[in-house]
Amino acid sequence: MNKFGDIVRTKREAKGMLLRQLAALIDIDTAILSKVERGERKAKREQVEKIAKILEMNERELLVEYLSENIAYEILNEDLAIDVLKVAEDKVKYFRENR
């Protein structure tokens, strides 16, 4: 299973784009983007949206990878992680229906 940063790096390299080029286009420091690609730092949602556009990726799919990874890391050390995700799915559906 690929991590968010791996997905971005693979696509960037496939496009022949240097790290510093992509960093400049999304208006962040090259070192920060490098850490994002290595999984040492989280990108901001706005940055993910820009990356998807610049690298001509499916924005929805990239956001799903990004958000799901953030959630997974948040509950990674919880013994109840899988149960939490199941309940959270039901709550998301409920909250959407009862806005």
N, C-alpha and C. Protein backbone atom coordinates (compact mmCIF):
# COMPACT_ATOMS: atom_id res chain seq x y z
N MET A 1 0.85 -1.18 0.00
CA MET A 1 0.00 0.00 0.00
C MET A 1 0.89 1.24 0.00
N ASN A 2 0.64 2.12 -0.92
CA ASN A 2 1.43 3.34 -1.03
C ASN A 2 0.97 4.40 -0.06
N LYS A 3 1.92 5.11 0.48
CA LYS A 3 1.62 6.25 1.34
C LYS A 3 1.40 7.48 0.47
N PHE A 4 0.74 8.47 1.04
CA PHE A 4 0.46 9.71 0.32
C PHE A 4 1.72 10.30 -0.31
N GLY A 5 2.78 10.43 0.48
CA GLY A 5 4.02 11.01 -0.02
C GLY A 5 4.63 10.22 -1.16
N ASP A 6 4.53 8.90 -1.08
CA ASP A 6 5.05 8.05 -2.16
C ASP A 6 4.28 8.27 -3.46
N ILE A 7 2.97 8.42 -3.32
CA ILE A 7 2.12 8.66 -4.49
C ILE A 7 2.52 9.97 -5.17
N VAL A 8 2.70 11.01 -4.37
CA VAL A 8 3.08 12.31 -4.91
C VAL A 8 4.46 12.24 -5.57
N ARG A 9 5.42 11.64 -4.88
CA ARG A 9 6.78 11.54 -5.42
C ARG A 9 6.80 10.77 -6.74
N THR A 10 6.10 9.65 -6.78
CA THR A 10 6.07 8.83 -7.99
C THR A 10 5.50 9.61 -9.16
N LYS A 11 4.41 10.32 -8.93
CA LYS A 11 3.77 11.10 -9.99
C LYS A 11 4.66 12.27 -10.42
N ARG A 12 5.26 12.94 -9.44
CA ARG A 12 6.15 14.08 -9.75
C ARG A 12 7.32 13.61 -10.60
N GLU A 13 7.93 12.52 -10.20
CA GLU A 13 9.08 12.00 -10.95
C GLU A 13 8.67 11.51 -12.33
N ALA A 14 7.50 10.91 -12.44
CA ALA A 14 7.01 10.45 -13.74
C ALA A 14 6.81 11.62 -14.70
N LYS A 15 6.48 12.77 -14.13
CA LYS A 15 6.30 13.98 -14.94
C LYS A 15 7.63 14.68 -15.23
N GLY A 16 8.71 14.17 -14.66
CA GLY A 16 10.02 14.78 -14.87
C GLY A 16 10.18 16.10 -14.13
N MET A 17 9.42 16.27 -13.07
CA MET A 17 9.46 17.53 -12.32
C MET A 17 10.37 17.39 -11.10
N LEU A 18 11.20 18.37 -10.90
CA LEU A 18 12.07 18.39 -9.74
C LEU A 18 11.28 18.79 -8.49
N LEU A 19 11.76 18.34 -7.37
CA LEU A 19 11.13 18.67 -6.08
C LEU A 19 11.00 20.18 -5.93
N ARG A 20 12.05 20.91 -6.24
CA ARG A 20 12.01 22.36 -6.07
C ARG A 20 11.01 23.03 -7.01
N GLN A 21 10.78 22.44 -8.17
CA GLN A 21 9.80 22.99 -9.10
C GLN A 21 8.38 22.87 -8.55
N LEU A 22 8.06 21.68 -8.06
CA LEU A 22 6.72 21.49 -7.49
C LEU A 22 6.54 22.34 -6.24
N ALA A 23 7.56 22.39 -5.41
CA ALA A 23 7.49 23.21 -4.19
C ALA A 23 7.19 24.67 -4.55
N ALA A 24 7.86 25.18 -5.55
CA ALA A 24 7.64 26.57 -5.96
C ALA A 24 6.21 26.78 -6.46
N LEU A 25 5.69 25.81 -7.20
CA LEU A 25 4.34 25.94 -7.74
C LEU A 25 3.26 25.89 -6.66
N ILE A 26 3.53 25.19 -5.57
CA ILE A 26 2.53 25.16 -4.49
C ILE A 26 2.89 26.12 -3.37
N ASP A 27 3.94 26.87 -3.60
CA ASP A 27 4.35 27.95 -2.70
C ASP A 27 4.73 27.46 -1.30
N ILE A 28 5.57 26.41 -1.27
CA ILE A 28 6.15 25.98 0.00
C ILE A 28 7.64 25.74 -0.19
N ASP A 29 8.34 25.66 0.90
CA ASP A 29 9.77 25.42 0.88
C ASP A 29 10.05 24.01 0.38
N THR A 30 11.12 23.85 -0.37
CA THR A 30 11.51 22.54 -0.89
C THR A 30 11.70 21.52 0.22
N ALA A 31 12.29 21.94 1.33
CA ALA A 31 12.51 21.03 2.45
C ALA A 31 11.20 20.52 3.03
N ILE A 32 10.19 21.37 3.05
CA ILE A 32 8.88 20.95 3.57
C ILE A 32 8.26 19.91 2.64
N LEU A 33 8.31 20.16 1.35
CA LEU A 33 7.75 19.20 0.40
C LEU A 33 8.51 17.88 0.48
N SER A 34 9.80 17.96 0.66
CA SER A 34 10.60 16.74 0.81
C SER A 34 10.12 15.93 2.01
N LYS A 35 9.85 16.61 3.11
CA LYS A 35 9.35 15.93 4.32
C LYS A 35 7.96 15.35 4.08
N VAL A 36 7.13 16.03 3.33
CA VAL A 36 5.81 15.52 3.00
C VAL A 36 5.96 14.23 2.20
N GLU A 37 6.82 14.24 1.21
CA GLU A 37 7.02 13.05 0.40
C GLU A 37 7.60 11.89 1.19
N ARG A 38 8.39 12.18 2.20
CA ARG A 38 8.98 11.12 3.04
C ARG A 38 8.07 10.71 4.19
N GLY A 39 6.93 11.37 4.33
CA GLY A 39 5.99 11.04 5.38
C GLY A 39 6.36 11.60 6.74
N GLU A 40 7.25 12.58 6.76
CA GLU A 40 7.69 13.18 8.01
C GLU A 40 6.89 14.42 8.39
N ARG A 41 6.06 14.86 7.49
CA ARG A 41 5.25 16.06 7.72
C ARG A 41 3.96 15.92 6.93
N LYS A 42 2.88 16.48 7.48
CA LYS A 42 1.60 16.44 6.78
C LYS A 42 1.46 17.67 5.91
N ALA A 43 0.92 17.46 4.73
CA ALA A 43 0.58 18.58 3.87
C ALA A 43 -0.72 19.19 4.36
N LYS A 44 -0.98 20.40 3.94
CA LYS A 44 -2.28 21.03 4.20
C LYS A 44 -3.22 20.64 3.06
N ARG A 45 -4.49 20.64 3.35
CA ARG A 45 -5.47 20.25 2.34
C ARG A 45 -5.34 21.11 1.07
N GLU A 46 -5.13 22.41 1.25
CA GLU A 46 -5.00 23.29 0.09
C GLU A 46 -3.79 22.89 -0.77
N GLN A 47 -2.73 22.46 -0.12
CA GLN A 47 -1.54 22.01 -0.84
C GLN A 47 -1.84 20.74 -1.62
N VAL A 48 -2.60 19.85 -1.01
CA VAL A 48 -2.97 18.60 -1.69
C VAL A 48 -3.78 18.91 -2.94
N GLU A 49 -4.71 19.84 -2.83
CA GLU A 49 -5.53 20.22 -3.98
C GLU A 49 -4.66 20.81 -5.10
N LYS A 50 -3.70 21.65 -4.73
CA LYS A 50 -2.78 22.23 -5.72
C LYS A 50 -1.92 21.15 -6.37
N ILE A 51 -1.41 20.24 -5.56
CA ILE A 51 -0.58 19.15 -6.08
C ILE A 51 -1.36 18.34 -7.11
N ALA A 52 -2.59 18.02 -6.79
CA ALA A 52 -3.41 17.24 -7.72
C ALA A 52 -3.57 17.95 -9.06
N LYS A 53 -3.83 19.24 -9.01
CA LYS A 53 -3.99 20.00 -10.25
C LYS A 53 -2.69 20.07 -11.05
N ILE A 54 -1.61 20.40 -10.38
CA ILE A 54 -0.32 20.57 -11.05
C ILE A 54 0.16 19.25 -11.66
N LEU A 55 -0.01 18.16 -10.93
CA LEU A 55 0.47 16.86 -11.41
C LEU A 55 -0.59 16.11 -12.23
N GLU A 56 -1.71 16.81 -12.49
CA GLU A 56 -2.80 16.25 -13.29
C GLU A 56 -3.27 14.91 -12.73
N MET A 57 -3.55 14.93 -11.43
CA MET A 57 -4.04 13.75 -10.74
C MET A 57 -5.52 13.93 -10.44
N ASN A 58 -6.19 12.84 -10.17
CA ASN A 58 -7.58 12.89 -9.76
C ASN A 58 -7.62 13.48 -8.34
N GLU A 59 -8.17 14.67 -8.21
CA GLU A 59 -8.16 15.37 -6.93
C GLU A 59 -8.90 14.59 -5.85
N ARG A 60 -10.02 14.03 -6.20
CA ARG A 60 -10.81 13.26 -5.23
C ARG A 60 -10.01 12.08 -4.69
N GLU A 61 -9.38 11.33 -5.59
CA GLU A 61 -8.60 10.16 -5.18
C GLU A 61 -7.42 10.56 -4.30
N LEU A 62 -6.75 11.65 -4.65
CA LEU A 62 -5.61 12.09 -3.86
C LEU A 62 -6.06 12.57 -2.48
N LEU A 63 -7.19 13.26 -2.43
CA LEU A 63 -7.73 13.71 -1.13
C LEU A 63 -8.14 12.52 -0.26
N VAL A 64 -8.69 11.48 -0.87
CA VAL A 64 -9.05 10.28 -0.11
C VAL A 64 -7.80 9.66 0.50
N GLU A 65 -6.73 9.57 -0.28
CA GLU A 65 -5.47 9.03 0.23
C GLU A 65 -4.94 9.88 1.39
N TYR A 66 -4.96 11.18 1.19
CA TYR A 66 -4.46 12.13 2.19
C TYR A 66 -5.27 12.07 3.48
N LEU A 67 -6.59 12.18 3.37
CA LEU A 67 -7.44 12.20 4.56
C LEU A 67 -7.44 10.86 5.29
N SER A 68 -7.49 9.78 4.54
CA SER A 68 -7.50 8.46 5.18
C SER A 68 -6.19 8.19 5.91
N GLU A 69 -5.09 8.65 5.33
CA GLU A 69 -3.79 8.48 6.00
C GLU A 69 -3.74 9.30 7.29
N ASN A 70 -4.27 10.51 7.25
CA ASN A 70 -4.31 11.34 8.46
C ASN A 70 -5.11 10.66 9.56
N ILE A 71 -6.26 10.11 9.20
CA ILE A 71 -7.09 9.42 10.19
C ILE A 71 -6.38 8.18 10.71
N ALA A 72 -5.79 7.42 9.82
CA ALA A 72 -5.10 6.18 10.22
C ALA A 72 -3.98 6.48 11.21
N TYR A 73 -3.19 7.51 10.93
CA TYR A 73 -2.11 7.86 11.86
C TYR A 73 -2.65 8.36 13.20
N GLU A 74 -3.78 9.02 13.16
CA GLU A 74 -4.37 9.56 14.39
C GLU A 74 -4.78 8.45 15.36
N ILE A 75 -5.28 7.34 14.82
CA ILE A 75 -5.78 6.27 15.70
C ILE A 75 -4.92 5.00 15.65
N LEU A 76 -3.79 5.09 15.03
CA LEU A 76 -2.90 3.94 14.82
C LEU A 76 -2.63 3.13 16.07
N ASN A 77 -2.38 3.77 17.16
CA ASN A 77 -1.99 3.08 18.39
C ASN A 77 -3.16 2.71 19.29
N GLU A 78 -4.35 2.93 18.82
CA GLU A 78 -5.55 2.57 19.59
C GLU A 78 -5.90 1.11 19.33
N ASP A 79 -6.10 0.36 20.39
CA ASP A 79 -6.51 -1.03 20.24
C ASP A 79 -7.87 -1.15 19.55
N LEU A 80 -8.66 -0.12 19.68
CA LEU A 80 -10.02 -0.14 19.13
C LEU A 80 -10.11 0.54 17.77
N ALA A 81 -9.01 0.73 17.09
CA ALA A 81 -8.98 1.52 15.85
C ALA A 81 -10.00 1.06 14.81
N ILE A 82 -10.07 -0.22 14.55
CA ILE A 82 -11.00 -0.72 13.53
C ILE A 82 -12.44 -0.49 13.96
N ASP A 83 -12.74 -0.71 15.23
CA ASP A 83 -14.08 -0.46 15.75
C ASP A 83 -14.43 1.02 15.66
N VAL A 84 -13.47 1.86 15.96
CA VAL A 84 -13.67 3.31 15.87
C VAL A 84 -14.03 3.71 14.45
N LEU A 85 -13.32 3.17 13.47
CA LEU A 85 -13.60 3.51 12.07
C LEU A 85 -15.00 3.07 11.65
N LYS A 86 -15.43 1.93 12.11
CA LYS A 86 -16.77 1.45 11.76
C LYS A 86 -17.84 2.38 12.34
N VAL A 87 -17.67 2.76 13.58
CA VAL A 87 -18.64 3.66 14.21
C VAL A 87 -18.58 5.04 13.56
N ALA A 88 -17.39 5.49 13.25
CA ALA A 88 -17.23 6.80 12.61
C ALA A 88 -17.94 6.84 11.26
N GLU A 89 -17.87 5.75 10.51
CA GLU A 89 -18.57 5.70 9.22
C GLU A 89 -20.07 5.90 9.42
N ASP A 90 -20.63 5.23 10.39
CA ASP A 90 -22.05 5.39 10.68
C ASP A 90 -22.38 6.82 11.12
N LYS A 91 -21.50 7.40 11.91
CA LYS A 91 -21.74 8.76 12.39
C LYS A 91 -21.66 9.77 11.24
N VAL A 92 -20.74 9.58 10.33
CA VAL A 92 -20.65 10.48 9.18
C VAL A 92 -21.95 10.44 8.39
N LYS A 93 -22.46 9.24 8.15
CA LYS A 93 -23.72 9.09 7.42
C LYS A 93 -24.86 9.78 8.17
N TYR A 94 -24.91 9.55 9.47
CA TYR A 94 -25.96 10.16 10.30
C TYR A 94 -25.88 11.69 10.29
N PHE A 95 -24.69 12.21 10.50
CA PHE A 95 -24.52 13.66 10.55
C PHE A 95 -24.87 14.32 9.21
N ARG A 96 -24.54 13.66 8.13
CA ARG A 96 -24.88 14.21 6.81
C ARG A 96 -26.39 14.25 6.58
N GLU A 97 -27.06 13.22 7.05
CA GLU A 97 -28.51 13.15 6.88
C GLU A 97 -29.26 14.11 7.78
N ASN A 98 -28.64 14.51 8.89
CA ASN A 98 -29.31 15.33 9.89
C ASN A 98 -28.71 16.71 10.06
N ARG A 99 -28.22 17.26 9.01
CA ARG A 99 -27.66 18.61 9.07
C ARG A 99 -28.75 19.62 9.22
